Protein backbone atom coordinates (compact mmCIF):
# COMPACT_ATOMS: atom_id res chain seq x y z
CA UNK A 1 -0.19 0.02 -0.01
CA UNK A 2 1.37 3.46 -0.83
CA UNK A 3 1.87 5.94 1.43
CA UNK A 4 -1.34 8.49 1.48
CA UNK A 5 -0.49 11.84 -0.20
CA UNK A 6 -2.08 14.67 1.40
CA UNK A 7 -4.84 16.60 -0.88
CA UNK A 8 -4.60 20.28 -1.89
CA UNK A 9 -7.45 20.97 0.18
CA UNK A 10 -5.16 20.59 3.43
CA UNK A 11 -3.19 23.46 2.34
CA UNK A 12 -5.64 26.32 3.34
CA UNK A 13 -5.12 25.73 6.92
CA UNK A 14 -1.99 27.62 7.16
CA UNK A 15 -3.27 31.09 6.85
CA UNK A 16 -6.58 30.44 8.60
CA UNK A 17 -5.49 28.29 11.72
CA UNK A 18 -1.63 28.11 11.46
CA UNK A 19 0.07 31.69 12.21
CA UNK A 20 3.44 32.37 13.65
CA UNK A 21 3.95 31.02 16.91
CA UNK A 22 3.28 33.51 19.58
CA UNK A 23 6.09 34.22 22.32
CA UNK A 24 6.24 31.70 25.30
CA UNK A 25 3.40 31.99 27.98
CA UNK A 26 4.95 34.34 31.25
CA UNK A 27 6.00 32.16 34.15
CA UNK A 28 4.57 34.83 36.59
CA UNK A 29 1.20 33.41 38.14
CA UNK A 30 -1.54 35.61 39.86
CA UNK A 31 -2.86 34.78 43.49
CA UNK A 32 -3.67 31.25 43.99
CA UNK A 33 -1.20 30.25 41.14
CA UNK A 34 -4.28 30.79 38.85
CA UNK A 35 -2.92 32.19 35.52
CA UNK A 36 -4.81 35.38 34.67
CA UNK A 37 -7.25 35.18 31.97
CA UNK A 38 -5.55 36.93 29.09
CA UNK A 39 -2.47 34.33 29.54
CA UNK A 40 -5.11 31.57 29.26
CA UNK A 41 -6.65 32.76 26.52
CA UNK A 42 -3.23 33.60 24.68
CA UNK A 43 -1.88 29.76 25.28
CA UNK A 44 -4.93 28.47 24.01
CA UNK A 45 -4.71 30.49 20.75
CA UNK A 46 -0.97 29.29 20.52
CA UNK A 47 -1.83 25.90 20.93
CA UNK A 48 -4.24 26.24 18.24
CA UNK A 49 -1.76 28.04 16.02
CA UNK A 50 0.99 25.31 16.57
CA UNK A 51 -1.35 22.51 16.03
CA UNK A 52 -3.02 24.11 12.95
CA UNK A 53 0.67 24.67 11.61
CA UNK A 54 1.70 21.17 11.97
CA UNK A 55 -1.24 20.03 10.08
CA UNK A 56 -0.44 21.98 7.49
CA UNK A 57 3.24 21.33 7.29
CA UNK A 58 2.94 17.93 7.28
CA UNK A 59 -0.28 17.23 5.43
CA UNK A 60 -2.01 15.44 8.57
CA UNK A 61 -5.59 15.63 7.90
CA UNK A 62 -7.27 15.96 4.56
CA UNK A 63 -11.39 15.83 3.53
CA UNK A 64 -13.22 13.48 4.49
CA UNK A 65 -10.92 11.83 6.96
CA UNK A 66 -11.89 9.79 9.75
CA UNK A 67 -9.62 10.58 12.52
CA UNK A 68 -8.91 8.28 15.76
CA UNK A 69 -7.59 10.26 18.49
CA UNK A 70 -6.15 7.89 20.96
CA UNK A 71 -7.28 9.33 24.52
CA UNK A 72 -5.00 7.48 27.38
CA UNK A 73 -6.31 9.85 30.06
CA UNK A 74 -2.82 11.93 30.39
CA UNK A 75 -2.47 15.46 30.08
CA UNK A 76 -1.09 15.15 26.14
CA UNK A 77 -3.92 12.92 24.94
CA UNK A 78 -6.62 15.35 26.67
CA UNK A 79 -4.81 18.33 25.22
CA UNK A 80 -4.72 17.01 21.52
CA UNK A 81 -8.23 15.92 21.97
CA UNK A 82 -9.79 19.44 22.95
CA UNK A 83 -7.40 21.34 20.35
CA UNK A 84 -8.53 19.12 17.35
CA UNK A 85 -12.47 19.80 18.50
CA UNK A 86 -11.76 23.33 18.72
CA UNK A 87 -9.92 23.32 14.98
CA UNK A 88 -12.66 21.12 13.69
CA UNK A 89 -15.39 23.60 14.02
CA UNK A 90 -13.43 25.92 11.40
CA UNK A 91 -11.37 24.11 9.59
CA UNK A 92 -11.35 24.31 5.76
CA UNK A 93 -12.03 20.80 5.07
CA UNK A 94 -14.63 18.42 7.13
CA UNK A 95 -13.47 15.55 9.10
CA UNK A 96 -14.72 13.46 11.87
CA UNK A 97 -13.11 12.81 15.09
CA UNK A 98 -13.68 9.85 17.42
CA UNK A 99 -11.88 9.21 20.78
CA UNK A 100 -10.44 5.79 21.50
CA UNK A 101 -9.34 4.70 24.81
CA UNK A 102 -7.62 1.32 25.60
CA UNK A 103 -8.47 -0.35 28.79
CA UNK A 104 -5.46 -2.32 29.67
CA UNK A 105 -7.02 -3.77 32.86
CA UNK A 106 -4.90 -2.15 35.36
CA UNK A 107 -5.43 -3.06 38.90
CA UNK A 108 -7.75 -0.33 40.24
CA UNK A 109 -8.18 1.50 36.86
CA UNK A 110 -10.81 3.99 36.95
CA UNK A 111 -12.81 2.67 34.11
CA UNK A 112 -15.68 5.23 34.40
CA UNK A 113 -13.71 8.17 34.29
CA UNK A 114 -13.02 8.76 30.42
CA UNK A 115 -16.35 7.42 29.47
CA UNK A 116 -18.08 10.11 31.53
CA UNK A 117 -15.81 13.18 30.71
CA UNK A 118 -16.81 12.34 26.49
CA UNK A 119 -20.10 11.95 27.33
CA UNK A 120 -20.05 15.33 28.61
CA UNK A 121 -18.39 16.52 25.78
CA UNK A 122 -20.99 14.81 23.47
CA UNK A 123 -17.78 13.61 21.30
CA UNK A 124 -18.15 10.31 19.35
CA UNK A 125 -15.93 7.73 21.31
CA UNK A 126 -15.11 3.78 21.68
CA UNK A 127 -13.42 1.73 24.95
CA UNK A 128 -11.25 -1.12 23.79
CA UNK A 129 -11.15 -3.67 26.46
CA UNK A 130 -7.86 -5.82 26.67
CA UNK A 131 -6.10 -7.21 29.02
CA UNK A 132 -2.54 -6.21 28.35
CA UNK A 133 -1.73 -5.82 31.68
CA UNK A 134 -1.65 -9.60 32.89
CA UNK A 135 0.38 -10.47 29.76
CA UNK A 136 3.09 -7.70 30.30
CA UNK A 137 3.17 -8.70 34.15
CA UNK A 138 3.39 -12.41 33.15
CA UNK A 139 6.25 -12.07 30.49
CA UNK A 140 8.09 -9.33 32.04
CA UNK A 141 10.41 -9.74 35.26
CA UNK A 142 9.80 -8.23 37.97
CA UNK A 143 11.92 -5.13 38.53
CA UNK A 144 12.37 -4.86 34.40
CA UNK A 145 10.67 -2.06 32.67
CA UNK A 146 7.56 -3.05 30.82
CA UNK A 147 7.35 -0.13 28.48
CA UNK A 148 8.46 -1.69 25.16
CA UNK A 149 6.32 -4.80 25.45
CA UNK A 150 3.38 -2.47 26.57
CA UNK A 151 3.82 -0.29 23.69
CA UNK A 152 3.82 -2.69 21.04
CA UNK A 153 0.75 -4.66 22.17
CA UNK A 154 -1.02 -1.22 22.47
CA UNK A 155 -0.19 -0.42 19.32
CA UNK A 156 -1.61 -3.53 18.00
CA UNK A 157 -4.72 -3.49 19.54
CA UNK A 158 -5.15 0.22 18.42
CA UNK A 159 -4.34 -0.54 14.83
CA UNK A 160 -6.72 -3.49 14.50
CA UNK A 161 -9.67 -1.50 16.06
CA UNK A 162 -8.27 1.42 13.45
CA UNK A 163 -8.40 -1.03 10.46
CA UNK A 164 -11.74 -2.43 11.76
CA UNK A 165 -13.66 0.55 11.84
CA UNK A 166 -12.43 2.35 8.59
CA UNK A 167 -10.02 5.25 10.41
CA UNK A 168 -7.79 7.12 7.80
CA UNK A 169 -5.58 8.87 10.41
CA UNK A 170 -4.37 8.04 13.97
CA UNK A 171 -3.61 11.17 16.08
CA UNK A 172 -1.27 10.39 19.06
CA UNK A 173 -0.60 13.22 21.91
CA UNK A 174 3.45 12.84 21.40
CA UNK A 175 4.59 16.60 21.66
CA UNK A 176 7.56 18.70 20.94
CA UNK A 177 9.77 17.77 23.71
CA UNK A 178 8.76 13.77 23.04
CA UNK A 179 10.18 14.26 19.57
CA UNK A 180 13.51 15.63 20.79
CA UNK A 181 13.92 12.71 23.74
CA UNK A 182 13.24 10.30 21.42
CA UNK A 183 15.95 11.69 18.81
CA UNK A 184 18.65 11.53 21.54
CA UNK A 185 17.40 8.22 23.10
CA UNK A 186 18.07 6.77 19.66
CA UNK A 187 21.29 8.17 19.12
CA UNK A 188 22.87 7.37 22.71
CA UNK A 189 21.30 4.03 23.23
CA UNK A 190 20.57 2.64 19.72
CA UNK A 191 23.63 4.48 17.87
CA UNK A 192 21.18 5.85 14.85
CA UNK A 193 19.87 9.57 14.13
CA UNK A 194 16.24 9.08 14.23
CA UNK A 195 13.22 10.29 15.89
CA UNK A 196 9.32 10.30 16.32
CA UNK A 197 8.43 11.67 13.07
CA UNK A 198 5.26 14.21 12.73
CA UNK A 199 3.71 11.74 10.20
CA UNK A 200 4.32 8.06 9.81
CA UNK A 201 3.11 5.34 7.89
CA UNK A 202 2.88 1.95 9.84
CA UNK A 203 5.23 -0.83 8.71
CA UNK A 204 2.35 -2.80 7.01
CA UNK A 205 1.33 0.57 4.93
CA UNK A 206 -2.05 0.42 6.46
CA UNK A 207 -1.84 3.07 8.91
CA UNK A 208 -1.14 6.85 8.78
CA UNK A 209 -0.04 8.12 12.32
CA UNK A 210 -0.11 11.87 13.11
CA UNK A 211 1.04 13.45 15.93
CA UNK A 212 -0.56 17.23 15.66
CA UNK A 213 1.24 18.31 18.66
CA UNK A 214 4.57 18.08 17.19
CA UNK A 215 5.07 21.91 17.73
CA UNK A 216 3.70 22.18 20.95
CA UNK A 217 5.77 22.71 24.51
CA UNK A 218 5.09 19.92 27.12
CA UNK A 219 5.28 22.64 29.60
CA UNK A 220 2.46 24.60 27.77
CA UNK A 221 0.42 21.52 27.57
CA UNK A 222 0.99 21.19 31.45
CA UNK A 223 -0.13 24.66 32.06
CA UNK A 224 -3.09 23.87 29.62
CA UNK A 225 -4.27 20.31 31.34
CA UNK A 226 -4.29 22.37 35.02
CA UNK A 227 -6.32 24.98 33.67
CA UNK A 228 -8.80 22.87 31.81
CA UNK A 229 -9.06 20.46 34.89
CA UNK A 230 -8.47 17.44 32.72
CA UNK A 231 -9.61 14.20 34.54
CA UNK A 232 -5.87 12.57 34.55
CA UNK A 233 -5.63 9.00 34.80
CA UNK A 234 -2.01 8.08 35.74
CA UNK A 235 -0.46 5.14 34.25
CA UNK A 236 -0.02 2.28 37.32
CA UNK A 237 1.64 -0.07 34.96
CA UNK A 238 4.77 1.75 33.49
CA UNK A 239 4.59 5.42 34.53
CA UNK A 240 6.08 4.68 37.76
CA UNK A 241 9.07 2.65 36.93
CA UNK A 242 12.42 4.30 37.28
CA UNK A 243 16.03 4.53 35.73
CA UNK A 244 14.22 4.04 32.34
CA UNK A 245 16.41 5.44 29.13
CA UNK A 246 14.22 7.72 28.55
CA UNK A 247 13.67 9.53 31.85
CA UNK A 248 17.58 9.44 31.61
CA UNK A 249 17.06 11.49 28.57
CA UNK A 250 14.41 14.05 30.12
CA UNK A 251 16.29 14.96 33.04
CA UNK A 252 19.74 15.82 30.83
CA UNK A 253 17.63 17.98 28.37
CA UNK A 254 15.80 19.59 31.57
CA UNK A 255 19.17 20.55 32.87
CA UNK A 256 20.46 21.59 29.30
CA UNK A 257 17.42 23.55 29.58
CA UNK A 258 17.80 25.07 32.81
CA UNK A 259 21.47 26.22 31.89
CA UNK A 260 20.38 27.66 28.34
CA UNK A 261 16.55 28.34 28.26
CA UNK A 262 15.21 27.96 24.26
CA UNK A 263 17.90 24.74 23.75
CA UNK A 264 15.07 22.55 23.17
CA UNK A 265 13.30 24.99 20.68
CA UNK A 266 16.47 24.99 18.89
CA UNK A 267 17.38 21.14 18.87
CA UNK A 268 13.16 20.82 17.66
CA UNK A 269 13.96 22.89 14.81
CA UNK A 270 17.14 21.10 13.97
CA UNK A 271 15.02 18.01 13.56
CA UNK A 272 13.49 19.90 10.78
CA UNK A 273 16.87 21.10 8.88
CA UNK A 274 18.66 18.04 8.15
CA UNK A 275 21.93 17.97 5.62
CA UNK A 276 22.68 14.65 4.59
CA UNK A 277 25.77 15.76 3.24
CA UNK A 278 26.98 16.71 6.57
CA UNK A 279 26.44 13.70 8.11
CA UNK A 280 28.23 10.09 7.56
CA UNK A 281 25.55 7.84 6.20
CA UNK A 282 26.28 6.53 2.75
CA UNK A 283 23.12 5.28 2.32
CA UNK A 284 21.18 8.78 2.50
CA UNK A 285 24.05 10.47 0.33
CA UNK A 286 26.49 9.44 -2.21
CA UNK A 287 29.70 10.24 -0.98
CA UNK A 288 31.36 7.53 -3.24
CA UNK A 289 30.72 9.41 -6.04
CA UNK A 290 31.49 12.94 -4.78
CA UNK A 291 34.18 14.45 -6.96
CA UNK A 292 34.53 11.31 -8.61
CA UNK A 293 37.50 11.78 -11.34
CA UNK A 294 36.58 8.93 -13.92
CA UNK A 295 33.51 6.39 -14.54
CA UNK A 296 35.44 3.60 -13.44
CA UNK A 297 34.34 1.29 -10.62
CA UNK A 298 35.44 1.96 -7.07
CA UNK A 299 37.26 -0.49 -4.76
CA UNK A 300 35.26 -2.15 -2.47
CA UNK A 301 35.40 -2.42 1.44
CA UNK A 302 36.99 -5.89 1.09
CA UNK A 303 39.60 -5.02 -1.39
CA UNK A 304 40.34 -2.16 0.57
CA UNK A 305 40.77 -4.27 3.89
CA UNK A 306 42.28 -7.39 2.06
CA UNK A 307 45.95 -7.98 3.48
CA UNK A 308 45.54 -5.29 6.02
CA UNK A 309 45.72 -5.53 9.92
CA UNK A 310 42.58 -6.30 11.85
CA UNK A 311 40.90 -4.31 14.78
CA UNK A 312 42.01 -7.24 17.06
CA UNK A 313 45.64 -7.42 16.20
């Protein structure tokens, strides 16, 4: 299956709901630690602009899309759903939104919270019930991180639901900081320069995954979620685990941001300005043919190493 190409109808989003990103929300708080209304209005406007800009830049939503918004019960996915519902009202293309939650049958999980919240909004929703908790708990030894297996099982359940119900886009709540964190996680622990793209075609070619919060800062989401008083549901399966590699990266980036404010934003912009000729991947850029003086065949690695000393000698 070929990748879904964005239709021209998605482009008008840019001038309508994707204006220039506003300056950061002031850190000052008013009595009772409640932001002034003008600050909250400004924050909401910025989030809408940033999400609209991401949708336009990456062709995330086109006319007639059935968007499945994956709602975990955390601040990010609540904010994603809230902003998309606002944009839907004035978007230049028509698309539907369905909130989907995966109930993983964790102990003491408050299964009524999300349905009650979504009914109050009047939004279409569906709850998938699948006991991934028992499977992960049985297969992963105590003290080991569950995130990888849990993530794969959760993704499989959501993909299956999307395919069975004809959803054309799967929207996830990963934000700007997640994208930067993933880049460093892959570089430090997996020796590769790759990250979490704003738009992705699944390996089987059946699903288009979008991340409309790709330009949104995590602390802005936190402030917005606190103001909106979303009914946050903590993850007791993996959210409380310590010493995860991702937490190490987040701690490092937090220290960098404290030392040099604005560094994470700079790193985020760098992910959108790649220079293959200034890296070292011969599969991405033709270094072998660069400046070549004739049409002859270049000796391969084996030819150059033949008769040479090995690394162990």
